Protein backbone atom coordinates (compact mmCIF):
# COMPACT_ATOMS: atom_id res chain seq x y z
CA MET A 1 0.00 0.00 0.00
CA GLY A 2 1.35 3.39 -0.95
CA LYS A 3 1.69 6.45 1.24
CA LEU A 4 0.07 9.76 0.35
CA VAL A 5 2.79 12.41 0.49
CA SER A 6 2.24 16.13 0.02
CA THR A 7 5.00 18.53 -1.00
CA ILE A 8 3.95 22.14 -0.56
CA PHE A 9 5.81 25.46 -0.89
CA VAL A 10 4.80 28.30 1.43
CA THR A 11 6.04 31.76 2.36
CA LEU A 12 6.76 32.83 5.94
CA ASP A 13 3.21 34.16 6.11
CA GLY A 14 1.77 30.89 4.81
CA VAL A 15 0.99 31.81 1.18
CA TYR A 16 1.14 28.94 -1.31
CA GLN A 17 -0.33 30.66 -4.34
CA ALA A 18 1.63 30.82 -7.62
CA PRO A 19 5.14 29.84 -6.49
CA GLY A 20 6.38 29.04 -9.99
CA GLY A 21 5.69 32.06 -12.17
CA PRO A 22 3.92 35.43 -12.56
CA GLN A 23 0.97 34.05 -14.55
CA GLU A 24 0.64 30.74 -12.74
CA ASP A 25 -2.32 31.76 -10.54
CA THR A 26 -3.52 35.37 -10.58
CA ARG A 27 -6.79 34.81 -8.71
CA ASP A 28 -7.92 37.78 -6.64
CA GLY A 29 -5.40 39.95 -8.48
CA PHE A 30 -2.42 38.17 -6.91
CA PRO A 31 0.70 40.10 -8.08
CA HIS A 32 3.52 38.05 -6.54
CA GLY A 33 3.73 34.91 -8.69
CA GLY A 34 7.15 33.31 -9.07
CA TRP A 35 8.40 33.88 -5.52
CA VAL A 36 10.26 30.52 -5.38
CA PHE A 37 12.65 31.34 -8.22
CA PRO A 38 15.26 33.42 -6.30
CA TYR A 39 15.74 30.60 -3.78
CA ALA A 40 16.36 27.70 -6.16
CA ASP A 41 19.82 26.23 -5.63
CA GLU A 42 21.57 22.86 -5.56
CA ASP A 43 20.25 22.01 -2.08
CA PHE A 44 16.69 22.67 -3.21
CA GLY A 45 17.20 20.74 -6.43
CA ARG A 46 18.59 17.68 -4.64
CA PHE A 47 15.60 17.53 -2.33
CA ILE A 48 13.14 17.76 -5.23
CA ASP A 49 15.01 15.06 -7.16
CA ASP A 50 14.93 12.78 -4.10
CA VAL A 51 11.16 13.27 -3.72
CA PHE A 52 10.44 12.47 -7.36
CA GLY A 53 12.65 9.39 -7.08
CA ARG A 54 10.13 7.79 -4.70
CA VAL A 55 6.91 8.44 -6.60
CA GLY A 56 4.55 5.75 -7.85
CA ALA A 57 1.64 7.96 -8.94
CA PHE A 58 0.58 11.60 -8.85
CA LEU A 59 -2.61 13.03 -7.37
CA LEU A 60 -3.07 16.64 -8.45
CA GLY A 61 -5.65 19.34 -7.93
CA ARG A 62 -7.28 20.65 -11.10
CA ARG A 63 -5.44 23.97 -11.14
CA THR A 64 -2.03 22.39 -10.47
CA TYR A 65 -2.76 19.72 -13.07
CA ASP A 66 -3.51 22.37 -15.72
CA ILE A 67 -0.29 24.24 -14.87
CA PHE A 68 1.81 21.06 -15.03
CA ALA A 69 0.11 19.81 -18.20
CA SER A 70 0.92 23.05 -20.01
CA TYR A 71 4.65 22.68 -19.31
CA TRP A 72 6.02 19.25 -18.43
CA PRO A 73 4.94 17.30 -21.54
CA LYS A 74 7.19 19.68 -23.50
CA VAL A 75 10.23 18.45 -21.51
CA THR A 76 10.87 15.26 -23.44
CA ASP A 77 14.10 14.00 -21.87
CA PRO A 78 13.06 10.72 -20.21
CA ASP A 79 16.00 11.02 -17.82
CA ASP A 80 14.91 14.38 -16.46
CA PRO A 81 14.32 13.68 -12.74
CA VAL A 82 11.04 15.62 -12.66
CA ALA A 83 9.67 15.46 -16.21
CA GLY A 84 10.46 11.75 -16.57
CA PRO A 85 8.21 10.55 -13.73
CA LEU A 86 5.51 13.13 -14.48
CA ASN A 87 5.22 12.10 -18.12
CA ARG A 88 5.64 8.37 -17.52
CA LEU A 89 3.63 7.58 -14.38
CA PRO A 90 -0.12 7.63 -13.74
CA LYS A 91 -1.71 10.96 -12.88
CA TYR A 92 -5.06 11.31 -11.09
CA VAL A 93 -7.18 14.45 -10.94
CA PRO A 94 -10.37 14.80 -8.87
CA SER A 95 -12.60 16.94 -11.08
CA SER A 96 -16.20 17.27 -12.23
CA THR A 97 -15.28 19.51 -15.18
CA LEU A 98 -12.16 18.01 -16.77
CA ALA A 99 -13.66 16.15 -19.71
CA GLU A 100 -10.82 15.04 -22.01
CA PRO A 101 -7.37 15.41 -20.44
CA GLY A 102 -4.70 15.62 -23.08
CA TRP A 103 -1.77 14.57 -20.91
CA SER A 104 -1.00 10.87 -21.39
CA GLY A 105 -1.61 8.69 -18.36
CA THR A 106 -4.26 10.92 -16.77
CA THR A 107 -7.32 9.50 -15.01
CA VAL A 108 -10.10 11.80 -13.82
CA LEU A 109 -11.61 10.88 -10.45
CA ARG A 110 -15.31 11.74 -10.40
CA GLY A 111 -16.55 9.65 -7.48
CA ASP A 112 -16.36 9.95 -3.71
CA LEU A 113 -12.94 11.48 -2.93
CA ALA A 114 -12.29 9.40 0.19
CA LYS A 115 -13.10 6.11 -1.53
CA GLU A 116 -11.20 6.97 -4.71
CA VAL A 117 -8.03 8.07 -2.93
CA THR A 118 -8.12 5.17 -0.46
CA ALA A 119 -8.31 2.75 -3.40
CA LEU A 120 -5.50 4.61 -5.17
CA LYS A 121 -3.23 4.27 -2.13
CA GLU A 122 -4.05 0.58 -1.79
CA HIS A 123 -3.10 -0.17 -5.39
CA THR A 124 0.03 1.98 -5.73
CA ASP A 125 3.57 0.79 -5.15
CA GLY A 126 5.63 3.70 -3.91
CA GLU A 127 4.31 7.11 -2.94
CA VAL A 128 1.15 8.74 -4.17
CA GLN A 129 2.38 12.32 -4.38
CA THR A 130 0.61 15.64 -4.42
CA HIS A 131 2.55 18.74 -5.42
CA GLY A 132 1.04 22.13 -4.72
CA SER A 133 -2.71 21.50 -4.98
CA GLY A 134 -3.32 23.34 -1.71
CA ALA A 135 -7.12 23.09 -1.69
CA LEU A 136 -7.02 19.38 -2.51
CA VAL A 137 -4.44 18.69 0.20
CA GLN A 138 -6.60 20.49 2.76
CA SER A 139 -9.52 18.24 1.81
CA LEU A 140 -7.31 15.16 2.07
CA LEU A 141 -6.04 16.24 5.48
CA ASP A 142 -9.64 16.73 6.63
CA LEU A 143 -10.38 13.18 5.47
CA GLY A 144 -7.35 11.74 7.28
CA LEU A 145 -5.80 10.47 4.06
CA VAL A 146 -2.44 12.30 4.09
CA ASP A 147 0.48 10.38 5.60
CA THR A 148 3.39 12.79 5.19
CA VAL A 149 3.81 16.50 4.49
CA HIS A 150 7.03 18.04 3.16
CA LEU A 151 6.65 21.71 4.05
CA LEU A 152 9.14 24.00 2.32
CA THR A 153 9.09 27.49 3.84
CA PHE A 154 10.74 30.25 1.83
CA PRO A 155 12.22 33.34 3.50
CA VAL A 156 9.79 35.86 2.03
CA VAL A 157 6.59 37.57 3.20
CA LEU A 158 4.00 38.55 0.58
CA GLY A 159 1.15 39.91 2.68
CA THR A 160 -1.57 38.71 0.31
CA GLY A 161 -2.46 35.44 -1.36
CA ARG A 162 -4.08 32.13 -0.59
CA ARG A 163 -2.76 30.54 2.58
CA PHE A 164 -2.20 26.85 3.08
CA PHE A 165 -3.39 26.58 6.68
CA ALA A 166 -6.17 29.14 6.55
CA ASP A 167 -8.93 29.77 9.07
CA GLY A 168 -11.17 26.72 9.26
CA ALA A 169 -8.44 24.13 8.66
CA ALA A 170 -9.10 20.89 10.50
CA PRO A 171 -7.05 20.60 13.72
CA ALA A 172 -4.21 18.10 13.30
CA ALA A 173 -0.97 17.13 15.00
CA PHE A 174 2.25 16.27 13.18
CA ARG A 175 5.41 14.36 14.10
CA HIS A 176 8.65 15.84 12.81
CA THR A 177 10.66 13.27 10.85
CA GLY A 178 13.51 15.30 9.42
CA GLY A 179 14.61 18.62 8.09
CA ARG A 180 17.29 20.88 6.73
CA VAL A 181 17.84 24.47 5.63
CA THR A 182 19.23 25.20 2.17
CA ALA A 183 22.10 27.58 1.49
CA ARG A 184 19.57 30.21 0.40
CA GLY A 185 17.48 29.87 3.53
CA VAL A 186 14.64 27.56 2.52
CA SER A 187 13.50 25.51 5.51
CA ILE A 188 12.64 21.97 4.35
CA GLN A 189 10.78 20.09 7.07
CA SER A 190 9.07 16.71 6.87
CA TYR A 191 6.18 15.65 9.09
CA ASP A 192 4.05 12.55 9.48
CA VAL A 193 0.43 13.20 10.33
CA ALA A 194 -0.11 12.16 13.97
CA GLY A 195 -3.83 12.45 14.59
CA ARG A 196 -5.53 15.16 16.61
CA PRO A 197 -3.76 17.82 18.68
CA GLU A 198 -3.21 17.32 22.40
CA TYR A 199 -3.73 20.14 24.88
CA GLY A 200 -2.50 21.09 28.32
CA SER A 201 -1.96 24.05 30.60
CA PHE A 202 0.95 25.99 32.11
CA ASP A 203 -1.20 27.35 34.93
CA LEU A 204 0.71 27.84 38.17
CA PRO A 205 -0.30 25.57 41.06
CA GLU A 206 -2.57 27.13 43.62
CA GLU A 207 -0.89 28.32 46.81
CA ALA A 208 -1.51 26.21 49.88
């Protein structure tokens, strides 16, 4: 049975919108697209290559799928560590509007999300990976289907944009499993989902 692993890029103020380019996602007039680019270095690249080396299938939100499908099929080198797996391996997209996906190996999931993704995990060798797809990942976290989150935090504050853990996110606890900081200051931290949060108190004991 495969694990469901999310890799998500966020700013210091939690924005995940349009990390890759100015026109990637301009919803709500977002003017800051492409904020990852100045921080890409060898450390960052090695981590991404390692992640894609463990993938068995991709599960992508509709917006991320459209962005990927417009770019990665044009990278035809089968040995490219990102394009190779993306073009070769199965891709799944939960959508009620995607009628005829043009990217080879794409399956549209139209049924119950929990059942479809549970079945996908059961029948996949290796990791079922989401990249970006913030709204989808939030739904999967709410359903208890995410196993691991790779959270890459970039040293920039944007002030506006869609935030990954926004108000209304389901409470969840995480167990830290590893991390590093790149030469350009990107904090790469990995967490396994660990159920619900626990609570306590630092109240001082009452005087006798």
